[in-house]
Amino acid sequence: MSTVPISHDWVGETWDWPLQHNDGVVKVLNTKEKFEVGLDVQFFRPNEIEVKVANNEVLISCHHETRTDTHGTVTREIHRAYKLPSDVDVNTLKSHLNARGTLNISAEKKK
């Protein structure tokens, strides 16, 4: 299993996760040239997100440590796995977290 480094534009101090909306896949693009998936992870910090590749799958884990707020304590954690198409070159896999909280994972297709 290998870890994919995450580049990011994130500059916020704290994020929280809106459990009531925008939880899930933003987009999946699979063309002749590239494969790309986008996830809404807007309320996790870059250091709380891990992207790995194992057995032809991209594994995404997001985890908040337990925090106390005005309503009590909360721990948040999500895991996603995407099977990569057989023509994806896993050596080109990249991930990027943009300022709006979308994690884009992309790879080129095999030549």
N, C-alpha and C. Protein backbone atom coordinates (compact mmCIF):
# COMPACT_ATOMS: atom_id res chain seq x y z
N MET A 1 0.86 -1.17 0.00
CA MET A 1 0.00 0.00 0.00
C MET A 1 0.90 1.22 0.00
N SER A 2 0.58 2.19 -0.84
CA SER A 2 1.37 3.42 -0.87
C SER A 2 0.49 4.62 -0.56
N THR A 3 1.06 5.62 0.07
CA THR A 3 0.36 6.84 0.42
C THR A 3 0.57 7.87 -0.67
N VAL A 4 -0.52 8.59 -1.01
CA VAL A 4 -0.46 9.63 -2.02
C VAL A 4 -0.43 10.98 -1.30
N PRO A 5 0.62 11.79 -1.46
CA PRO A 5 0.68 13.09 -0.79
C PRO A 5 -0.48 13.99 -1.25
N ILE A 6 -0.95 14.84 -0.35
CA ILE A 6 -2.05 15.76 -0.65
C ILE A 6 -1.50 17.17 -0.73
N SER A 7 -1.63 17.80 -1.89
CA SER A 7 -1.32 19.23 -1.99
C SER A 7 -2.62 19.97 -1.66
N HIS A 8 -2.53 21.22 -1.25
CA HIS A 8 -3.77 21.92 -0.88
C HIS A 8 -3.63 23.43 -0.93
N ASP A 9 -4.81 24.09 -1.03
CA ASP A 9 -4.93 25.54 -0.98
C ASP A 9 -5.54 25.98 0.35
N TRP A 10 -5.71 25.09 1.26
CA TRP A 10 -6.47 25.32 2.48
C TRP A 10 -5.77 26.33 3.38
N VAL A 11 -6.54 27.32 3.87
CA VAL A 11 -5.95 28.34 4.73
C VAL A 11 -6.79 28.61 5.97
N GLY A 12 -7.91 27.91 6.17
CA GLY A 12 -8.80 28.16 7.30
C GLY A 12 -8.22 27.71 8.63
N GLU A 13 -8.76 28.23 9.72
CA GLU A 13 -8.32 27.84 11.05
C GLU A 13 -9.00 26.55 11.51
N THR A 14 -10.33 26.51 11.46
CA THR A 14 -11.06 25.30 11.87
C THR A 14 -12.17 25.03 10.88
N TRP A 15 -12.49 23.78 10.75
CA TRP A 15 -13.59 23.36 9.89
C TRP A 15 -14.51 22.47 10.69
N ASP A 16 -15.77 22.42 10.30
CA ASP A 16 -16.73 21.52 10.90
C ASP A 16 -17.44 20.83 9.75
N TRP A 17 -18.08 19.71 9.98
CA TRP A 17 -18.64 18.91 8.90
C TRP A 17 -20.15 19.01 8.87
N PRO A 18 -20.76 19.53 7.78
CA PRO A 18 -22.22 19.63 7.71
C PRO A 18 -22.83 18.27 7.38
N LEU A 19 -23.23 17.55 8.39
CA LEU A 19 -23.76 16.21 8.18
C LEU A 19 -25.06 16.20 7.39
N GLN A 20 -25.72 17.32 7.27
CA GLN A 20 -27.02 17.35 6.62
C GLN A 20 -26.98 17.54 5.11
N HIS A 21 -25.83 17.92 4.52
CA HIS A 21 -25.79 18.13 3.08
C HIS A 21 -24.37 17.99 2.54
N ASN A 22 -24.26 17.84 1.24
CA ASN A 22 -22.99 17.79 0.52
C ASN A 22 -22.06 16.67 0.97
N ASP A 23 -22.60 15.62 1.53
CA ASP A 23 -21.76 14.51 1.98
C ASP A 23 -21.71 13.45 0.89
N GLY A 24 -20.61 13.38 0.18
CA GLY A 24 -20.52 12.34 -0.83
C GLY A 24 -19.72 12.75 -2.04
N VAL A 25 -19.94 12.05 -3.11
CA VAL A 25 -19.19 12.26 -4.33
C VAL A 25 -19.58 13.57 -4.98
N VAL A 26 -18.60 14.36 -5.34
CA VAL A 26 -18.84 15.58 -6.09
C VAL A 26 -18.86 15.25 -7.57
N LYS A 27 -17.85 14.47 -8.03
CA LYS A 27 -17.81 14.13 -9.45
C LYS A 27 -16.91 12.92 -9.67
N VAL A 28 -17.19 12.19 -10.70
CA VAL A 28 -16.32 11.12 -11.18
C VAL A 28 -16.18 11.33 -12.68
N LEU A 29 -14.93 11.39 -13.14
CA LEU A 29 -14.65 11.59 -14.56
C LEU A 29 -13.72 10.48 -15.01
N ASN A 30 -14.10 9.77 -16.05
CA ASN A 30 -13.27 8.68 -16.57
C ASN A 30 -13.26 8.79 -18.09
N THR A 31 -12.19 9.39 -18.61
CA THR A 31 -12.05 9.59 -20.06
C THR A 31 -10.89 8.74 -20.58
N LYS A 32 -10.61 8.85 -21.86
CA LYS A 32 -9.48 8.14 -22.45
C LYS A 32 -8.15 8.63 -21.90
N GLU A 33 -8.10 9.89 -21.49
CA GLU A 33 -6.86 10.51 -21.03
C GLU A 33 -6.63 10.42 -19.52
N LYS A 34 -7.73 10.47 -18.72
CA LYS A 34 -7.53 10.50 -17.28
C LYS A 34 -8.74 9.98 -16.50
N PHE A 35 -8.47 9.67 -15.25
CA PHE A 35 -9.50 9.29 -14.28
C PHE A 35 -9.44 10.33 -13.17
N GLU A 36 -10.61 10.80 -12.73
CA GLU A 36 -10.63 11.80 -11.66
C GLU A 36 -11.88 11.61 -10.81
N VAL A 37 -11.70 11.72 -9.51
CA VAL A 37 -12.84 11.67 -8.59
C VAL A 37 -12.69 12.86 -7.65
N GLY A 38 -13.82 13.48 -7.33
CA GLY A 38 -13.83 14.62 -6.41
C GLY A 38 -14.76 14.34 -5.25
N LEU A 39 -14.28 14.57 -4.05
CA LEU A 39 -15.07 14.34 -2.84
C LEU A 39 -15.22 15.62 -2.05
N ASP A 40 -16.39 15.83 -1.49
CA ASP A 40 -16.62 16.96 -0.61
C ASP A 40 -16.13 16.58 0.79
N VAL A 41 -14.99 17.12 1.17
CA VAL A 41 -14.43 16.89 2.50
C VAL A 41 -14.17 18.24 3.17
N GLN A 42 -15.05 19.20 2.88
CA GLN A 42 -14.81 20.60 3.22
C GLN A 42 -14.58 20.88 4.69
N PHE A 43 -14.90 19.97 5.56
CA PHE A 43 -14.74 20.29 6.98
C PHE A 43 -13.70 19.42 7.67
N PHE A 44 -12.75 18.96 6.87
CA PHE A 44 -11.58 18.28 7.42
C PHE A 44 -10.34 19.08 7.01
N ARG A 45 -9.38 19.16 7.90
CA ARG A 45 -8.12 19.82 7.60
C ARG A 45 -7.25 18.89 6.75
N PRO A 46 -6.30 19.45 6.00
CA PRO A 46 -5.43 18.60 5.18
C PRO A 46 -4.73 17.50 5.98
N ASN A 47 -4.31 17.79 7.20
CA ASN A 47 -3.62 16.77 7.99
C ASN A 47 -4.56 15.72 8.57
N GLU A 48 -5.86 15.87 8.36
CA GLU A 48 -6.85 14.90 8.81
C GLU A 48 -7.31 13.99 7.66
N ILE A 49 -6.71 14.16 6.50
CA ILE A 49 -7.09 13.41 5.30
C ILE A 49 -5.91 12.55 4.86
N GLU A 50 -6.22 11.29 4.56
CA GLU A 50 -5.18 10.38 4.08
C GLU A 50 -5.68 9.68 2.81
N VAL A 51 -4.82 9.65 1.80
CA VAL A 51 -5.15 9.00 0.53
C VAL A 51 -4.10 7.92 0.29
N LYS A 52 -4.57 6.69 0.05
CA LYS A 52 -3.66 5.58 -0.21
C LYS A 52 -4.13 4.81 -1.44
N VAL A 53 -3.22 4.03 -1.99
CA VAL A 53 -3.54 3.14 -3.10
C VAL A 53 -3.19 1.73 -2.66
N ALA A 54 -4.15 0.80 -2.81
CA ALA A 54 -3.92 -0.60 -2.47
C ALA A 54 -4.80 -1.47 -3.34
N ASN A 55 -4.21 -2.51 -3.91
CA ASN A 55 -4.98 -3.48 -4.70
C ASN A 55 -5.87 -2.82 -5.74
N ASN A 56 -5.32 -1.88 -6.47
CA ASN A 56 -6.05 -1.19 -7.54
C ASN A 56 -7.26 -0.40 -7.03
N GLU A 57 -7.20 0.07 -5.79
CA GLU A 57 -8.23 0.92 -5.22
C GLU A 57 -7.58 2.16 -4.61
N VAL A 58 -8.31 3.27 -4.67
CA VAL A 58 -7.92 4.48 -3.95
C VAL A 58 -8.71 4.46 -2.65
N LEU A 59 -8.02 4.58 -1.53
CA LEU A 59 -8.63 4.56 -0.21
C LEU A 59 -8.49 5.94 0.41
N ILE A 60 -9.62 6.54 0.79
CA ILE A 60 -9.61 7.88 1.36
C ILE A 60 -10.16 7.79 2.78
N SER A 61 -9.39 8.31 3.73
CA SER A 61 -9.82 8.33 5.13
C SER A 61 -9.73 9.75 5.65
N CYS A 62 -10.77 10.18 6.33
CA CYS A 62 -10.79 11.50 6.97
C CYS A 62 -11.17 11.28 8.42
N HIS A 63 -10.42 11.91 9.32
CA HIS A 63 -10.66 11.66 10.75
C HIS A 63 -10.36 12.90 11.58
N HIS A 64 -11.38 13.33 12.37
CA HIS A 64 -11.20 14.36 13.39
C HIS A 64 -10.95 13.66 14.72
N GLU A 65 -10.02 14.15 15.49
CA GLU A 65 -9.88 13.66 16.85
C GLU A 65 -11.09 14.16 17.64
N THR A 66 -11.34 13.57 18.77
CA THR A 66 -12.47 13.99 19.61
C THR A 66 -12.29 15.44 20.02
N ARG A 67 -13.35 16.21 19.82
CA ARG A 67 -13.34 17.63 20.18
C ARG A 67 -14.54 17.94 21.07
N THR A 68 -14.40 18.95 21.88
CA THR A 68 -15.50 19.41 22.72
C THR A 68 -15.97 20.74 22.17
N ASP A 69 -17.31 20.86 22.01
CA ASP A 69 -17.88 22.14 21.60
C ASP A 69 -19.00 22.49 22.58
N THR A 70 -19.83 23.46 22.24
CA THR A 70 -20.88 23.90 23.15
C THR A 70 -21.97 22.86 23.38
N HIS A 71 -22.04 21.84 22.52
CA HIS A 71 -23.08 20.81 22.64
C HIS A 71 -22.56 19.50 23.23
N GLY A 72 -21.27 19.39 23.44
CA GLY A 72 -20.69 18.15 23.96
C GLY A 72 -19.42 17.81 23.21
N THR A 73 -19.18 16.51 23.03
CA THR A 73 -17.99 16.08 22.30
C THR A 73 -18.39 15.41 20.99
N VAL A 74 -17.48 15.48 20.04
CA VAL A 74 -17.76 14.90 18.72
C VAL A 74 -16.46 14.35 18.12
N THR A 75 -16.59 13.20 17.46
CA THR A 75 -15.52 12.62 16.67
C THR A 75 -16.10 12.34 15.30
N ARG A 76 -15.41 12.73 14.24
CA ARG A 76 -15.91 12.51 12.88
C ARG A 76 -14.91 11.68 12.10
N GLU A 77 -15.45 10.75 11.31
CA GLU A 77 -14.58 9.89 10.53
C GLU A 77 -15.36 9.36 9.32
N ILE A 78 -14.74 9.45 8.13
CA ILE A 78 -15.33 8.85 6.94
C ILE A 78 -14.25 8.08 6.20
N HIS A 79 -14.68 7.06 5.49
CA HIS A 79 -13.79 6.25 4.67
C HIS A 79 -14.47 6.02 3.34
N ARG A 80 -13.74 6.19 2.26
CA ARG A 80 -14.24 5.93 0.92
C ARG A 80 -13.22 5.08 0.18
N ALA A 81 -13.69 4.21 -0.69
CA ALA A 81 -12.81 3.41 -1.53
C ALA A 81 -13.35 3.45 -2.95
N TYR A 82 -12.45 3.67 -3.91
CA TYR A 82 -12.82 3.71 -5.32
C TYR A 82 -11.96 2.72 -6.07
N LYS A 83 -12.59 1.80 -6.78
CA LYS A 83 -11.86 0.85 -7.62
C LYS A 83 -11.39 1.61 -8.85
N LEU A 84 -10.11 1.52 -9.12
CA LEU A 84 -9.55 2.21 -10.27
C LEU A 84 -9.80 1.39 -11.53
N PRO A 85 -10.15 2.05 -12.63
CA PRO A 85 -10.27 1.33 -13.90
C PRO A 85 -8.93 0.67 -14.24
N SER A 86 -8.97 -0.43 -14.96
CA SER A 86 -7.76 -1.20 -15.25
C SER A 86 -6.76 -0.44 -16.09
N ASP A 87 -7.20 0.60 -16.82
CA ASP A 87 -6.28 1.35 -17.68
C ASP A 87 -5.66 2.57 -16.99
N VAL A 88 -5.83 2.71 -15.67
CA VAL A 88 -5.25 3.83 -14.94
C VAL A 88 -3.80 3.52 -14.56
N ASP A 89 -2.91 4.49 -14.77
CA ASP A 89 -1.52 4.37 -14.36
C ASP A 89 -1.42 4.86 -12.91
N VAL A 90 -1.38 3.94 -11.95
CA VAL A 90 -1.39 4.32 -10.53
C VAL A 90 -0.15 5.12 -10.14
N ASN A 91 0.91 5.03 -10.91
CA ASN A 91 2.12 5.81 -10.61
C ASN A 91 1.93 7.29 -10.85
N THR A 92 0.87 7.68 -11.55
CA THR A 92 0.61 9.10 -11.82
C THR A 92 -0.46 9.67 -10.89
N LEU A 93 -0.92 8.89 -9.93
CA LEU A 93 -2.00 9.33 -9.04
C LEU A 93 -1.56 10.53 -8.21
N LYS A 94 -2.43 11.55 -8.17
CA LYS A 94 -2.19 12.78 -7.41
C LYS A 94 -3.47 13.14 -6.68
N SER A 95 -3.33 13.85 -5.57
CA SER A 95 -4.51 14.36 -4.87
C SER A 95 -4.27 15.82 -4.52
N HIS A 96 -5.36 16.59 -4.53
CA HIS A 96 -5.28 18.02 -4.24
C HIS A 96 -6.57 18.44 -3.53
N LEU A 97 -6.41 19.13 -2.41
CA LEU A 97 -7.55 19.68 -1.67
C LEU A 97 -7.64 21.16 -1.98
N ASN A 98 -8.73 21.58 -2.64
CA ASN A 98 -8.82 23.00 -2.99
C ASN A 98 -9.41 23.81 -1.83
N ALA A 99 -9.42 25.11 -1.97
CA ALA A 99 -9.85 26.02 -0.91
C ALA A 99 -11.33 25.86 -0.56
N ARG A 100 -12.13 25.28 -1.46
CA ARG A 100 -13.56 25.06 -1.19
C ARG A 100 -13.81 23.71 -0.52
N GLY A 101 -12.75 22.94 -0.26
CA GLY A 101 -12.92 21.69 0.46
C GLY A 101 -13.22 20.49 -0.41
N THR A 102 -12.91 20.58 -1.69
CA THR A 102 -13.09 19.44 -2.59
C THR A 102 -11.75 18.75 -2.76
N LEU A 103 -11.72 17.47 -2.45
CA LEU A 103 -10.53 16.66 -2.63
C LEU A 103 -10.59 16.02 -4.00
N ASN A 104 -9.69 16.43 -4.90
CA ASN A 104 -9.63 15.87 -6.24
C ASN A 104 -8.50 14.87 -6.32
N ILE A 105 -8.81 13.68 -6.78
CA ILE A 105 -7.82 12.62 -6.96
C ILE A 105 -7.83 12.29 -8.45
N SER A 106 -6.66 12.36 -9.07
CA SER A 106 -6.60 12.14 -10.52
C SER A 106 -5.40 11.28 -10.89
N ALA A 107 -5.52 10.64 -12.04
CA ALA A 107 -4.42 9.83 -12.56
C ALA A 107 -4.55 9.80 -14.08
N GLU A 108 -3.40 9.65 -14.72
CA GLU A 108 -3.39 9.51 -16.18
C GLU A 108 -3.70 8.06 -16.55
N LYS A 109 -4.10 7.88 -17.79
CA LYS A 109 -4.34 6.53 -18.29
C LYS A 109 -3.04 5.96 -18.81
N LYS A 110 -2.93 4.63 -18.83
CA LYS A 110 -1.74 3.95 -19.35
C LYS A 110 -1.64 4.23 -20.83
N LYS A 111 -0.42 4.35 -21.32
CA LYS A 111 -0.18 4.62 -22.74
C LYS A 111 -0.21 3.34 -23.53
